[in-house]
Amino acid sequence: MYFGSVRFFKHLILLSFLVMILIPTVAAFSLRGTVREQEAQLTRQEGQIAELEQSVETLRRQAEQPAEPAPPVPEPAPVFTADEAPYHSLYPDFYAPAPIGELVATPATAYLTFDDGPSATTDRVLDVLAEEGVLATFFVVGREDEASLNRLRRMAEEGHTIGMHTWSHSYRDLYGSVEQYLEDAYRVFTLIRDTTGQTPTVFRFPGGSINSYNRAIYQELIAEMLRRGFVPHDWHLSAGDAAPSGVTTAAVTNNILNNIGSMERAVILLHDGAGQSATAPALPGVIAGLRQRGYQLLPLAANTQPILFGYPD
């Protein structure tokens, strides 16, 4: 019988002895692995510390070096104030006599406006207006002969508004630059003022406030004229009386009355330059037709709300 025999107890003693030897050995190997892992971790930490020390040293050396000068800051572009506008120094007396003030849009009103005079046509137009009891607006160009000066005086004496239409009316000369326009317009400004004793406040650009000749400068140009207190006026309706091929009296009348529709206000473009033979004869019919439609006829004033063409920019 093996259990309880002498051999059984020998084997049991031997097994106990082996167990006593194996436990410390396994523990030692386990402890050795842990120690190695801790040593590796400690080595990694020492490497990180060394890197940090190197970084700190680099920063310290950089801090001790003289700083490089900062790049120069560019000066800001000049900003013009109202008193330093680009064209402010030109023609110091080329200003409207008073600020524009609040603009007024009078309902049921038609404004007869005549461009390109004075001429012999102007005499006939003034005669009709006087007969009809109508005041109008004349945008004049530069003419210094005595007959033209007398026509300017008559306009003023009879109560019409006289506006600037430039001296030369030459698109190529006028619209080369803002300076060129101001030079030309100033001449007709002084002509009106010195001849009539009245300082003009309204004006009309040849070809309108925007056209194929002034597209490069029209915004600057309008801004400068407004800064000087002058009010620009375009138009709602054209009589077509300046057609190069000529036009009949009936056509001028129809161009206005057939196209006015239900406009609340109407600035009407006519011409009193030399050669406009249909303009004056058409006026009685135009005036009668406008009155029948309920319009009062007034001249443009300094505070009249202007009509300006729509700008594409």
Protein backbone atom coordinates (compact mmCIF):
# COMPACT_ATOMS: atom_id res chain seq x y z
CA MET A 1 0.00 0.00 0.00
CA TYR A 2 1.51 3.32 -1.22
CA PHE A 3 -0.36 5.87 0.92
CA GLY A 4 0.99 5.82 4.44
CA SER A 5 4.09 3.88 3.36
CA VAL A 6 7.64 5.05 3.93
CA ARG A 7 8.02 5.78 0.18
CA PHE A 8 4.93 8.00 0.25
CA PHE A 9 6.37 10.16 3.01
CA LYS A 10 9.73 10.41 1.20
CA HIS A 11 8.01 11.67 -1.90
CA LEU A 12 5.93 14.15 0.13
CA ILE A 13 9.04 15.54 1.81
CA LEU A 14 10.79 15.87 -1.59
CA LEU A 15 7.75 17.68 -3.10
CA SER A 16 7.59 20.11 -0.19
CA PHE A 17 11.27 20.83 -0.62
CA LEU A 18 10.82 21.53 -4.35
CA VAL A 19 7.91 23.87 -3.66
CA MET A 20 9.99 25.77 -1.11
CA ILE A 21 12.69 26.23 -3.74
CA LEU A 22 10.36 27.16 -6.66
CA ILE A 23 8.33 29.89 -4.90
CA PRO A 24 11.29 32.18 -4.13
CA THR A 25 12.72 31.50 -7.59
CA VAL A 26 9.50 32.49 -9.38
CA ALA A 27 9.14 35.49 -7.12
CA ALA A 28 12.71 36.47 -7.89
CA PHE A 29 12.16 36.24 -11.65
CA SER A 30 8.93 38.24 -11.34
CA LEU A 31 10.64 40.86 -9.24
CA ARG A 32 13.52 40.98 -11.70
CA GLY A 33 11.06 41.71 -14.60
CA THR A 34 9.43 44.48 -12.58
CA VAL A 35 12.77 45.99 -11.74
CA ARG A 36 13.80 45.92 -15.40
CA GLU A 37 10.55 47.61 -16.40
CA GLN A 38 11.06 50.28 -13.74
CA GLU A 39 14.63 50.76 -14.88
CA ALA A 40 13.45 51.24 -18.48
CA GLN A 41 10.82 53.72 -17.36
CA LEU A 42 13.40 55.59 -15.31
CA THR A 43 15.68 55.71 -18.35
CA ARG A 44 12.88 57.19 -20.45
CA GLN A 45 12.17 59.81 -17.80
CA GLU A 46 15.85 60.70 -17.61
CA GLY A 47 15.84 61.18 -21.40
CA GLN A 48 12.81 63.47 -21.19
CA ILE A 49 14.45 65.47 -18.44
CA ALA A 50 17.58 65.81 -20.54
CA GLU A 51 15.49 67.07 -23.50
CA LEU A 52 13.75 69.60 -21.26
CA GLU A 53 17.06 70.79 -19.89
CA GLN A 54 18.35 71.21 -23.44
CA SER A 55 15.24 73.19 -24.43
CA VAL A 56 15.61 75.43 -21.40
CA GLU A 57 19.24 76.04 -22.26
CA THR A 58 18.33 76.91 -25.84
CA LEU A 59 15.72 79.38 -24.67
CA ARG A 60 18.18 80.91 -22.22
CA ARG A 61 20.76 81.45 -24.99
CA GLN A 62 18.14 82.99 -27.26
CA ALA A 63 17.02 85.33 -24.51
CA GLU A 64 20.58 86.51 -24.02
CA GLN A 65 20.96 87.39 -27.72
CA PRO A 66 20.03 90.98 -28.79
CA ALA A 67 16.55 91.18 -30.32
CA GLU A 68 16.26 91.86 -34.06
CA PRO A 69 14.70 95.24 -34.89
CA ALA A 70 11.01 95.06 -35.84
CA PRO A 71 10.18 95.77 -39.49
CA PRO A 72 9.04 99.36 -40.12
CA VAL A 73 5.27 99.92 -39.99
CA PRO A 74 4.06 101.44 -43.28
CA GLU A 75 2.46 104.85 -42.99
CA PRO A 76 -1.29 104.86 -43.62
CA ALA A 77 -2.56 106.26 -46.90
CA PRO A 78 -3.61 109.91 -46.61
CA VAL A 79 -7.30 110.52 -45.96
CA PHE A 80 -8.74 113.71 -47.38
CA THR A 81 -11.07 115.73 -45.22
CA ALA A 82 -13.70 118.04 -46.65
CA ASP A 83 -11.24 120.95 -46.52
CA GLU A 84 -8.49 118.92 -48.20
CA ALA A 85 -10.49 117.49 -51.09
CA PRO A 86 -8.41 116.96 -54.24
CA TYR A 87 -9.98 119.87 -56.12
CA HIS A 88 -10.70 122.19 -53.21
CA SER A 89 -7.99 124.68 -54.11
CA LEU A 90 -9.31 125.20 -57.65
CA TYR A 91 -11.51 128.26 -58.25
CA PRO A 92 -12.18 129.27 -54.63
CA ASP A 93 -15.22 131.35 -55.65
CA PHE A 94 -16.81 128.51 -57.66
CA TYR A 95 -19.46 127.68 -55.05
CA ALA A 96 -23.21 127.98 -54.74
CA PRO A 97 -24.23 130.99 -52.63
CA ALA A 98 -25.86 128.90 -49.86
CA PRO A 99 -26.14 125.26 -48.74
CA ILE A 100 -28.63 123.18 -50.68
CA GLY A 101 -30.90 122.59 -47.69
CA GLU A 102 -33.89 120.26 -47.69
CA LEU A 103 -34.90 119.17 -51.19
CA VAL A 104 -38.55 119.50 -52.23
CA ALA A 105 -40.47 117.26 -54.64
CA THR A 106 -43.61 119.20 -55.59
CA PRO A 107 -46.34 116.84 -56.87
CA ALA A 108 -48.24 117.33 -60.14
CA THR A 109 -45.50 119.56 -61.51
CA ALA A 110 -43.84 119.77 -64.91
CA TYR A 111 -40.56 121.59 -65.51
CA LEU A 112 -39.77 122.90 -68.99
CA THR A 113 -35.97 122.97 -69.35
CA PHE A 114 -34.07 124.29 -72.38
CA ASP A 115 -30.47 123.33 -73.26
CA ASP A 116 -27.77 124.79 -75.50
CA GLY A 117 -28.86 128.45 -75.72
CA PRO A 118 -28.84 131.32 -75.85
CA SER A 119 -29.52 131.84 -79.54
CA ALA A 120 -32.11 133.42 -81.80
CA THR A 121 -34.37 130.49 -80.90
CA THR A 122 -34.27 131.69 -77.29
CA ASP A 123 -35.97 134.95 -78.23
CA ARG A 124 -38.95 133.08 -79.69
CA VAL A 125 -39.11 130.68 -76.72
CA LEU A 126 -39.07 133.59 -74.24
CA ASP A 127 -41.86 135.30 -76.17
CA VAL A 128 -44.12 132.22 -75.93
CA LEU A 129 -43.36 131.68 -72.25
CA ALA A 130 -44.22 135.33 -71.52
CA GLU A 131 -47.51 135.02 -73.43
CA GLU A 132 -48.42 131.82 -71.57
CA GLY A 133 -47.30 133.12 -68.16
CA VAL A 134 -44.87 130.23 -67.68
CA LEU A 135 -41.46 130.25 -66.00
CA ALA A 136 -38.86 127.74 -67.19
CA THR A 137 -35.22 126.78 -66.77
CA PHE A 138 -32.42 127.52 -69.25
CA PHE A 139 -29.15 125.56 -69.12
CA VAL A 140 -26.85 127.85 -71.06
CA VAL A 141 -23.45 127.52 -72.74
CA GLY A 142 -20.72 130.11 -73.19
CA ARG A 143 -21.59 132.88 -75.65
CA GLU A 144 -20.22 136.38 -75.15
CA ASP A 145 -21.72 138.32 -78.08
CA GLU A 146 -23.94 141.22 -77.04
CA ALA A 147 -27.14 139.57 -78.29
CA SER A 148 -26.48 136.48 -76.18
CA LEU A 149 -25.67 138.58 -73.11
CA ASN A 150 -28.94 140.48 -73.56
CA ARG A 151 -30.82 137.16 -73.72
CA LEU A 152 -29.25 136.12 -70.42
CA ARG A 153 -30.33 139.39 -68.86
CA ARG A 154 -33.88 138.95 -70.19
CA MET A 155 -34.09 135.43 -68.72
CA ALA A 156 -33.11 136.76 -65.30
CA GLU A 157 -35.39 139.81 -65.48
CA GLU A 158 -38.42 137.70 -66.43
CA GLY A 159 -37.86 135.29 -63.52
CA HIS A 160 -36.54 132.19 -65.28
CA THR A 161 -33.90 129.98 -63.70
CA ILE A 162 -30.50 130.05 -65.42
CA GLY A 163 -28.36 126.96 -64.98
CA MET A 164 -24.89 125.95 -66.15
CA HIS A 165 -24.47 123.67 -69.17
CA THR A 166 -20.69 124.24 -69.42
CA TRP A 167 -18.93 126.71 -71.65
CA SER A 168 -17.89 124.59 -74.61
CA HIS A 169 -20.35 121.66 -74.57
CA SER A 170 -17.48 119.62 -76.05
CA TYR A 171 -17.69 116.12 -74.59
CA ARG A 172 -14.10 115.21 -75.44
CA ASP A 173 -12.71 118.37 -73.84
CA LEU A 174 -15.02 118.37 -70.82
CA TYR A 175 -14.70 114.82 -69.65
CA GLY A 176 -10.97 114.26 -69.95
CA SER A 177 -10.61 114.86 -66.20
CA VAL A 178 -12.36 116.49 -63.27
CA GLU A 179 -9.98 119.45 -63.60
CA GLN A 180 -10.94 119.96 -67.24
CA TYR A 181 -14.63 119.92 -66.40
CA LEU A 182 -14.21 122.41 -63.54
CA GLU A 183 -12.19 124.77 -65.74
CA ASP A 184 -14.87 124.76 -68.43
CA ALA A 185 -17.86 124.97 -66.08
CA TYR A 186 -16.26 127.80 -64.10
CA ARG A 187 -16.18 129.96 -67.22
CA VAL A 188 -19.94 129.72 -67.78
CA PHE A 189 -20.52 130.14 -64.03
CA THR A 190 -18.74 133.51 -64.06
CA LEU A 191 -20.45 134.51 -67.32
CA ILE A 192 -23.91 134.01 -65.77
CA ARG A 193 -22.97 135.66 -62.49
CA ASP A 194 -21.25 138.68 -64.02
CA THR A 195 -23.91 139.23 -66.69
CA THR A 196 -27.09 138.80 -64.64
CA GLY A 197 -25.94 139.43 -61.07
CA GLN A 198 -27.35 136.03 -60.10
CA THR A 199 -25.18 133.12 -58.97
CA PRO A 200 -26.33 129.86 -60.61
CA THR A 201 -27.15 126.95 -58.33
CA VAL A 202 -28.29 124.24 -60.78
CA PHE A 203 -26.50 122.64 -63.71
CA ARG A 204 -26.85 119.93 -66.31
CA PHE A 205 -24.06 117.75 -67.68
CA PRO A 206 -23.89 117.68 -71.48
CA GLY A 207 -25.15 114.21 -72.36
CA GLY A 208 -26.57 113.74 -68.85
CA SER A 209 -24.91 112.89 -65.57
CA ILE A 210 -23.56 109.61 -66.93
CA ASN A 211 -22.68 109.00 -70.55
CA SER A 212 -20.13 107.18 -72.67
CA TYR A 213 -17.61 110.03 -72.31
CA ASN A 214 -17.59 110.52 -68.52
CA ARG A 215 -17.90 106.96 -67.20
CA ALA A 216 -14.36 107.02 -65.81
CA ILE A 217 -14.90 110.16 -63.74
CA TYR A 218 -18.65 110.72 -63.30
CA GLN A 219 -18.69 109.70 -59.62
CA GLU A 220 -15.81 112.03 -58.73
CA LEU A 221 -17.30 114.75 -60.87
CA ILE A 222 -20.75 114.64 -59.31
CA ALA A 223 -19.28 114.43 -55.81
CA GLU A 224 -17.13 117.51 -56.41
CA MET A 225 -19.97 119.58 -57.83
CA LEU A 226 -22.24 118.58 -54.95
CA ARG A 227 -19.47 119.49 -52.51
CA ARG A 228 -19.48 122.96 -54.02
CA GLY A 229 -23.24 123.19 -53.42
CA PHE A 230 -24.53 122.79 -56.99
CA VAL A 231 -27.46 120.51 -57.86
CA PRO A 232 -27.35 118.41 -61.07
CA HIS A 233 -30.52 117.74 -63.08
CA ASP A 234 -31.14 115.12 -65.74
CA TRP A 235 -34.62 114.63 -67.26
CA HIS A 236 -37.65 112.32 -67.42
CA LEU A 237 -38.83 113.15 -70.94
CA SER A 238 -37.11 114.33 -74.12
CA ALA A 239 -38.96 116.40 -76.68
CA GLY A 240 -36.66 115.11 -79.41
CA ASP A 241 -36.34 118.63 -80.81
CA ALA A 242 -32.57 118.36 -81.26
CA ALA A 243 -32.72 115.48 -83.73
CA PRO A 244 -30.03 116.05 -86.39
CA SER A 245 -32.45 115.25 -89.21
CA GLY A 246 -34.99 117.81 -88.01
CA VAL A 247 -38.36 117.34 -86.38
CA THR A 248 -41.84 118.74 -86.82
CA THR A 249 -43.81 120.81 -84.33
CA ALA A 250 -46.36 118.02 -84.03
CA ALA A 251 -43.63 115.49 -83.27
CA VAL A 252 -42.22 117.66 -80.47
CA THR A 253 -45.69 118.02 -78.94
CA ASN A 254 -46.45 114.31 -79.23
CA ASN A 255 -43.08 113.25 -77.82
CA ILE A 256 -44.01 115.03 -74.60
CA LEU A 257 -47.77 114.60 -74.23
CA ASN A 258 -47.94 111.00 -75.48
CA ASN A 259 -45.19 109.83 -73.13
CA ILE A 260 -45.83 111.69 -69.90
CA GLY A 261 -48.39 109.11 -68.81
CA SER A 262 -49.14 109.35 -65.10
CA MET A 263 -45.81 110.84 -64.00
CA GLU A 264 -46.11 112.63 -60.67
CA ARG A 265 -43.31 115.00 -61.65
CA ALA A 266 -41.82 115.57 -65.10
CA VAL A 267 -38.54 117.27 -65.98
CA ILE A 268 -38.83 117.84 -69.75
CA LEU A 269 -35.79 118.28 -71.99
CA LEU A 270 -36.11 120.81 -74.82
CA HIS A 271 -33.54 122.87 -76.72
CA ASP A 272 -33.18 126.53 -77.63
CA GLY A 273 -29.94 126.29 -79.56
CA ALA A 274 -29.52 127.61 -83.04
CA GLY A 275 -31.49 125.60 -85.59
CA GLN A 276 -34.21 124.24 -83.27
CA SER A 277 -37.01 125.73 -85.38
CA ALA A 278 -39.82 123.45 -84.09
CA THR A 279 -39.34 124.13 -80.39
CA ALA A 280 -41.01 127.51 -79.91
CA PRO A 281 -44.03 126.74 -82.19
CA ALA A 282 -44.65 123.51 -80.22
CA LEU A 283 -44.73 125.23 -76.83
CA PRO A 284 -48.35 126.52 -76.82
CA GLY A 285 -49.71 123.04 -77.51
CA VAL A 286 -47.33 121.45 -74.97
CA ILE A 287 -48.26 123.94 -72.26
CA ALA A 288 -52.01 123.56 -72.91
CA GLY A 289 -51.74 119.77 -72.87
CA LEU A 290 -49.80 119.74 -69.58
CA ARG A 291 -52.29 122.07 -67.92
CA GLN A 292 -55.21 119.93 -69.10
CA ARG A 293 -53.54 116.97 -67.39
CA GLY A 294 -53.38 118.88 -64.11
CA TYR A 295 -49.73 119.90 -64.09
CA GLN A 296 -48.48 123.19 -62.78
CA LEU A 297 -45.44 124.54 -64.64
CA LEU A 298 -42.51 125.72 -62.52
CA PRO A 299 -38.82 126.51 -62.99
CA LEU A 300 -36.20 124.42 -61.23
CA ALA A 301 -35.06 125.98 -57.96
CA ALA A 302 -32.00 125.44 -55.78
CA ASN A 303 -33.98 123.08 -53.54
CA THR A 304 -35.91 121.17 -56.23
CA GLN A 305 -35.50 117.41 -55.87
CA PRO A 306 -33.43 116.47 -58.93
CA ILE A 307 -33.97 113.61 -61.32
CA LEU A 308 -30.75 111.72 -62.01
CA PHE A 309 -30.12 108.78 -64.28
CA GLY A 310 -29.63 105.38 -62.62
CA TYR A 311 -25.94 104.54 -62.18
CA PRO A 312 -24.63 101.08 -63.17
CA ASP A 313 -21.73 101.05 -60.64
